[in-house]
Amino acid sequence: MSSYDFLAGCYDRLTYDVDYTAWADYVEKHFARRPLPGNTILDLACGTGSLTRELALRGYEMIGVDLSPEMLSEAAEKNRGVGPVEPIFLCQSMDKLDLYGTIDACVCCLDSINYVTSPKKLQRAFERVHLFLMPGGLFLFDINTPEKLAAMDGQVFLDETEDTYCVWRGEFSRRSRLCSYFMDIFRLDRETGLWERGEELHEERAYSVSKLTAMLKKAGFGEIKTYGDLKLRPPISGEGRIFFTARKD
């Protein structure tokens, strides 16, 4: 079972409740706090490119990077002809990020940082982002908190649409700090009228705020701040998602 090979074709149907307009609004609020050096934005772990599209429509020159060719295929189709400058997409892992030039900001949303389960690879990813950012550039990302991931242990979830059915259960290991999601996915082939079944395993690592802050500092970032779930205030107890911003000096 490998992540996103089967899920990519029905990811948007299962995440219909994600308000990408609100996420783009939130990103722009941070951009507005201090002018960016320029207009080129990296959407790291862009998935099917929904946030990429929202930002491209607002005039940003977008680069989407993701490890899954299947997700990038969906993203490229969704962003065809979008924006003043059509987004470009690259198939790369975060720790081996290799761009053609510099960027003015990097966003990495929807707990994609948690999906980098190796701290060493995440450290390298932070260093690669720092390398390609222009001085004064912004790095913005969010995480699922350790408390939220721990609460997933033993939980069973069901996502269902007219042509997609997904059952998944969570297991959290306090020893490894990994939360594993075991997914059974059924999707309707609209051409044949038959249902297809796929299985996938997804894993997220629980990272503390202090650990991520130390890693960002080691990568060379400054002005490291944390925020509540889509809020401009500091996080409060019980919030399941925390946002980070960091600057390249």
Protein backbone atom coordinates (compact mmCIF):
# COMPACT_ATOMS: atom_id res chain seq x y z
CA MET A 1 0.00 0.00 0.00
CA SER A 2 1.56 3.30 -1.07
CA SER A 3 0.23 6.74 -0.31
CA TYR A 4 -1.85 8.56 -2.93
CA ASP A 5 -1.49 6.12 -5.84
CA PHE A 6 -5.18 5.23 -5.65
CA LEU A 7 -6.38 8.15 -3.52
CA ALA A 8 -5.28 10.83 -6.02
CA GLY A 9 -8.19 10.13 -8.37
CA CYS A 10 -10.78 10.76 -5.65
CA TYR A 11 -8.90 13.07 -3.26
CA ASP A 12 -10.86 16.18 -4.22
CA ARG A 13 -14.18 14.38 -3.78
CA LEU A 14 -13.23 13.28 -0.28
CA THR A 15 -11.91 16.71 0.75
CA TYR A 16 -14.81 18.74 -0.64
CA ASP A 17 -15.24 20.41 2.76
CA VAL A 18 -11.77 22.04 2.74
CA ASP A 19 -12.29 25.77 2.13
CA TYR A 20 -9.28 26.61 -0.02
CA THR A 21 -10.51 30.16 -0.48
CA ALA A 22 -10.30 30.65 3.30
CA TRP A 23 -6.83 29.10 3.34
CA ALA A 24 -5.67 31.42 0.56
CA ASP A 25 -7.17 34.38 2.42
CA TYR A 26 -5.22 33.37 5.52
CA VAL A 27 -1.97 33.00 3.58
CA GLU A 28 -2.42 36.46 2.06
CA LYS A 29 -2.99 37.98 5.49
CA HIS A 30 0.51 36.84 6.43
CA PHE A 31 1.91 38.08 3.13
CA ALA A 32 0.38 41.49 3.86
CA ARG A 33 2.04 41.80 7.26
CA ARG A 34 5.38 42.52 5.62
CA PRO A 35 5.91 42.97 1.87
CA LEU A 36 7.41 39.97 0.14
CA PRO A 37 10.55 40.45 -1.97
CA GLY A 38 8.57 39.46 -5.05
CA ASN A 39 5.65 37.48 -6.42
CA THR A 40 6.93 33.89 -6.85
CA ILE A 41 5.39 31.42 -4.40
CA LEU A 42 6.24 27.77 -3.83
CA ASP A 43 3.34 25.50 -2.85
CA LEU A 44 5.29 22.66 -1.22
CA ALA A 45 3.44 19.32 -1.07
CA CYS A 46 0.80 20.90 -3.30
CA GLY A 47 -1.29 17.74 -3.72
CA THR A 48 -3.95 18.19 -6.38
CA GLY A 49 -3.14 21.89 -6.64
CA SER A 50 -6.27 23.44 -5.15
CA LEU A 51 -4.40 26.03 -3.07
CA THR A 52 -1.98 26.55 -5.95
CA ARG A 53 -4.95 27.45 -8.14
CA GLU A 54 -6.44 29.85 -5.59
CA LEU A 55 -3.18 31.76 -5.28
CA ALA A 56 -2.50 31.73 -9.02
CA LEU A 57 -5.91 33.30 -9.61
CA ARG A 58 -4.83 36.11 -7.28
CA GLY A 59 -1.85 36.93 -9.47
CA TYR A 60 1.00 35.01 -7.86
CA GLU A 61 3.50 33.09 -9.98
CA MET A 62 3.12 29.61 -8.56
CA ILE A 63 5.39 26.59 -8.42
CA GLY A 64 3.82 23.38 -7.14
CA VAL A 65 5.99 20.56 -5.78
CA ASP A 66 4.79 17.14 -4.68
CA LEU A 67 6.22 13.64 -4.35
CA SER A 68 3.20 11.91 -5.92
CA PRO A 69 3.05 11.82 -9.74
CA GLU A 70 -0.64 10.92 -9.52
CA MET A 71 -1.46 13.98 -7.41
CA LEU A 72 0.61 16.20 -9.71
CA SER A 73 -1.28 14.90 -12.73
CA GLU A 74 -4.52 16.06 -11.11
CA ALA A 75 -2.90 19.39 -10.18
CA ALA A 76 -1.63 20.08 -13.69
CA GLU A 77 -5.05 19.44 -15.21
CA LYS A 78 -6.79 21.61 -12.61
CA ASN A 79 -4.40 24.51 -13.20
CA ARG A 80 -4.31 24.43 -16.98
CA GLY A 81 -4.62 28.01 -18.26
CA VAL A 82 -5.07 29.43 -14.74
CA GLY A 83 -3.77 32.83 -13.68
CA PRO A 84 -1.76 35.49 -15.47
CA VAL A 85 1.10 32.93 -15.38
CA GLU A 86 0.13 29.25 -15.47
CA PRO A 87 1.63 27.35 -12.50
CA ILE A 88 4.42 24.87 -13.09
CA PHE A 89 4.68 21.56 -11.25
CA LEU A 90 7.69 19.50 -10.20
CA CYS A 91 7.81 15.94 -8.84
CA GLN A 92 10.24 16.11 -5.92
CA SER A 93 10.54 15.15 -2.27
CA MET A 94 10.85 18.01 0.21
CA ASP A 95 14.33 17.03 1.37
CA LYS A 96 15.61 17.05 -2.22
CA LEU A 97 13.93 20.28 -3.30
CA ASP A 98 15.73 21.66 -6.35
CA LEU A 99 14.28 24.75 -8.03
CA TYR A 100 15.39 26.63 -11.11
CA GLY A 101 15.63 29.94 -9.26
CA THR A 102 14.66 31.75 -6.08
CA ILE A 103 11.22 32.09 -4.48
CA ASP A 104 9.71 34.86 -2.41
CA ALA A 105 7.58 32.69 -0.14
CA CYS A 106 6.90 29.03 0.52
CA VAL A 107 3.62 27.63 1.83
CA CYS A 108 3.23 24.02 2.96
CA CYS A 109 -0.33 23.40 4.08
CA LEU A 110 -2.76 20.80 5.37
CA ASP A 111 -0.30 19.13 7.79
CA SER A 112 2.05 18.07 5.00
CA ILE A 113 4.99 18.65 7.37
CA ASN A 114 3.70 15.81 9.57
CA TYR A 115 3.97 13.48 6.58
CA VAL A 116 7.76 13.85 6.63
CA THR A 117 8.22 11.16 9.27
CA SER A 118 12.04 11.30 9.33
CA PRO A 119 13.33 14.25 11.40
CA LYS A 120 16.58 14.16 9.42
CA LYS A 121 14.71 14.51 6.13
CA LEU A 122 12.57 17.29 7.56
CA GLN A 123 15.69 19.15 8.68
CA ARG A 124 17.07 18.89 5.16
CA ALA A 125 13.72 20.06 3.77
CA PHE A 126 13.84 23.18 5.94
CA GLU A 127 17.38 23.82 4.76
CA ARG A 128 16.37 23.43 1.10
CA VAL A 129 13.48 25.87 1.51
CA HIS A 130 15.82 28.35 3.19
CA LEU A 131 18.32 27.97 0.36
CA PHE A 132 15.85 28.97 -2.36
CA LEU A 133 14.07 31.75 -0.45
CA MET A 134 15.01 35.33 -1.20
CA PRO A 135 16.21 37.39 1.79
CA GLY A 136 13.09 38.60 3.56
CA GLY A 137 11.11 35.67 2.16
CA LEU A 138 8.43 33.93 4.23
CA PHE A 139 7.99 30.25 5.05
CA LEU A 140 4.49 29.35 6.26
CA PHE A 141 3.29 25.89 7.24
CA ASP A 142 0.90 24.13 9.60
CA ILE A 143 0.99 20.91 11.62
CA ASN A 144 -1.40 18.58 13.36
CA THR A 145 -0.49 18.80 17.03
CA PRO A 146 0.83 15.77 18.95
CA GLU A 147 -2.34 15.85 21.04
CA LYS A 148 -4.56 15.65 17.96
CA LEU A 149 -2.58 12.75 16.48
CA ALA A 150 -2.58 10.86 19.79
CA ALA A 151 -6.36 11.22 19.96
CA MET A 152 -6.63 9.41 16.60
CA ASP A 153 -5.54 6.14 18.19
CA GLY A 154 -8.25 3.52 17.80
CA GLN A 155 -10.61 5.88 15.98
CA VAL A 156 -12.50 4.79 12.86
CA PHE A 157 -13.69 7.34 10.29
CA LEU A 158 -15.97 7.20 7.27
CA ASP A 159 -15.97 9.58 4.31
CA GLU A 160 -18.64 9.06 1.68
CA THR A 161 -19.86 10.75 -1.51
CA GLU A 162 -22.06 9.50 -4.33
CA ASP A 163 -19.13 7.85 -6.11
CA THR A 164 -16.51 7.46 -3.38
CA TYR A 165 -16.47 5.54 -0.11
CA CYS A 166 -13.50 5.64 2.27
CA VAL A 167 -13.16 3.90 5.64
CA TRP A 168 -10.03 4.56 7.65
CA ARG A 169 -8.74 3.89 11.13
CA GLY A 170 -5.97 5.50 13.10
CA GLU A 171 -3.26 3.96 15.25
CA PHE A 172 -0.85 6.11 17.27
CA SER A 173 2.41 4.82 18.72
CA ARG A 174 3.74 6.89 21.61
CA ARG A 175 7.09 5.16 21.23
CA SER A 176 7.65 6.07 17.57
CA ARG A 177 5.39 9.17 17.68
CA LEU A 178 3.82 7.96 14.44
CA CYS A 179 0.13 8.05 13.62
CA SER A 180 -0.80 5.50 10.95
CA TYR A 181 -3.95 5.73 8.84
CA PHE A 182 -5.09 2.51 7.19
CA MET A 183 -7.49 3.34 4.35
CA ASP A 184 -9.92 1.20 2.38
CA ILE A 185 -11.13 3.22 -0.60
CA PHE A 186 -13.92 2.40 -3.03
CA ARG A 187 -14.53 4.62 -6.05
CA LEU A 188 -16.99 4.35 -8.92
CA ASP A 189 -15.62 4.11 -12.45
CA ARG A 190 -18.08 6.34 -14.27
CA GLU A 191 -17.31 4.78 -17.64
CA THR A 192 -17.88 1.14 -16.65
CA GLY A 193 -20.27 1.66 -13.75
CA LEU A 194 -18.12 -0.70 -11.66
CA TRP A 195 -16.61 -0.01 -8.26
CA GLU A 196 -12.84 -0.17 -7.75
CA ARG A 197 -11.15 -0.88 -4.45
CA GLY A 198 -7.80 0.43 -3.25
CA GLU A 199 -5.84 0.26 0.00
CA GLU A 200 -3.38 2.84 1.26
CA LEU A 201 -1.27 3.49 4.31
CA HIS A 202 -0.56 7.06 5.42
CA GLU A 203 1.69 8.07 8.30
CA GLU A 204 2.18 11.33 10.18
CA ARG A 205 4.80 12.11 12.79
CA ALA A 206 4.01 14.12 15.89
CA TYR A 207 6.36 17.10 16.15
CA SER A 208 6.41 19.47 19.12
CA VAL A 209 6.52 23.23 18.69
CA SER A 210 9.89 23.35 20.44
CA LYS A 211 11.36 20.68 18.15
CA LEU A 212 10.21 22.42 14.96
CA THR A 213 11.38 25.80 16.24
CA ALA A 214 14.85 24.38 16.90
CA MET A 215 14.95 22.81 13.44
CA LEU A 216 13.96 26.08 11.78
CA LYS A 217 16.66 27.95 13.68
CA LYS A 218 19.23 25.35 12.68
CA ALA A 219 18.19 25.81 9.03
CA GLY A 220 18.90 29.54 9.33
CA PHE A 221 15.42 30.98 9.80
CA GLY A 222 14.56 33.88 12.06
CA GLU A 223 11.37 35.62 13.25
CA ILE A 224 9.79 32.25 14.03
CA LYS A 225 6.20 32.62 15.22
CA THR A 226 3.25 30.29 15.89
CA TYR A 227 -0.46 30.89 15.39
CA GLY A 228 -3.77 29.20 16.10
CA ASP A 229 -5.85 27.32 13.53
CA LEU A 230 -6.31 29.85 10.69
CA LYS A 231 -5.90 32.62 13.27
CA LEU A 232 -3.54 35.58 13.62
CA ARG A 233 -3.23 35.09 17.38
CA PRO A 234 -0.98 32.64 19.26
CA PRO A 235 -2.26 29.07 19.54
CA ILE A 236 -4.40 28.14 22.53
CA SER A 237 -4.77 24.89 24.42
CA GLY A 238 -6.90 22.32 22.64
CA GLU A 239 -6.37 23.55 19.09
CA GLY A 240 -5.58 20.65 16.81
CA ARG A 241 -3.69 22.66 14.20
CA ILE A 242 -0.85 25.14 14.67
CA PHE A 243 0.63 27.44 12.02
CA PHE A 244 4.28 28.51 11.83
CA THR A 245 5.84 31.43 10.05
CA ALA A 246 9.58 31.99 9.65
CA ARG A 247 11.70 34.50 7.73
CA LYS A 248 14.96 34.28 5.89
CA ASP A 249 17.11 37.16 7.13
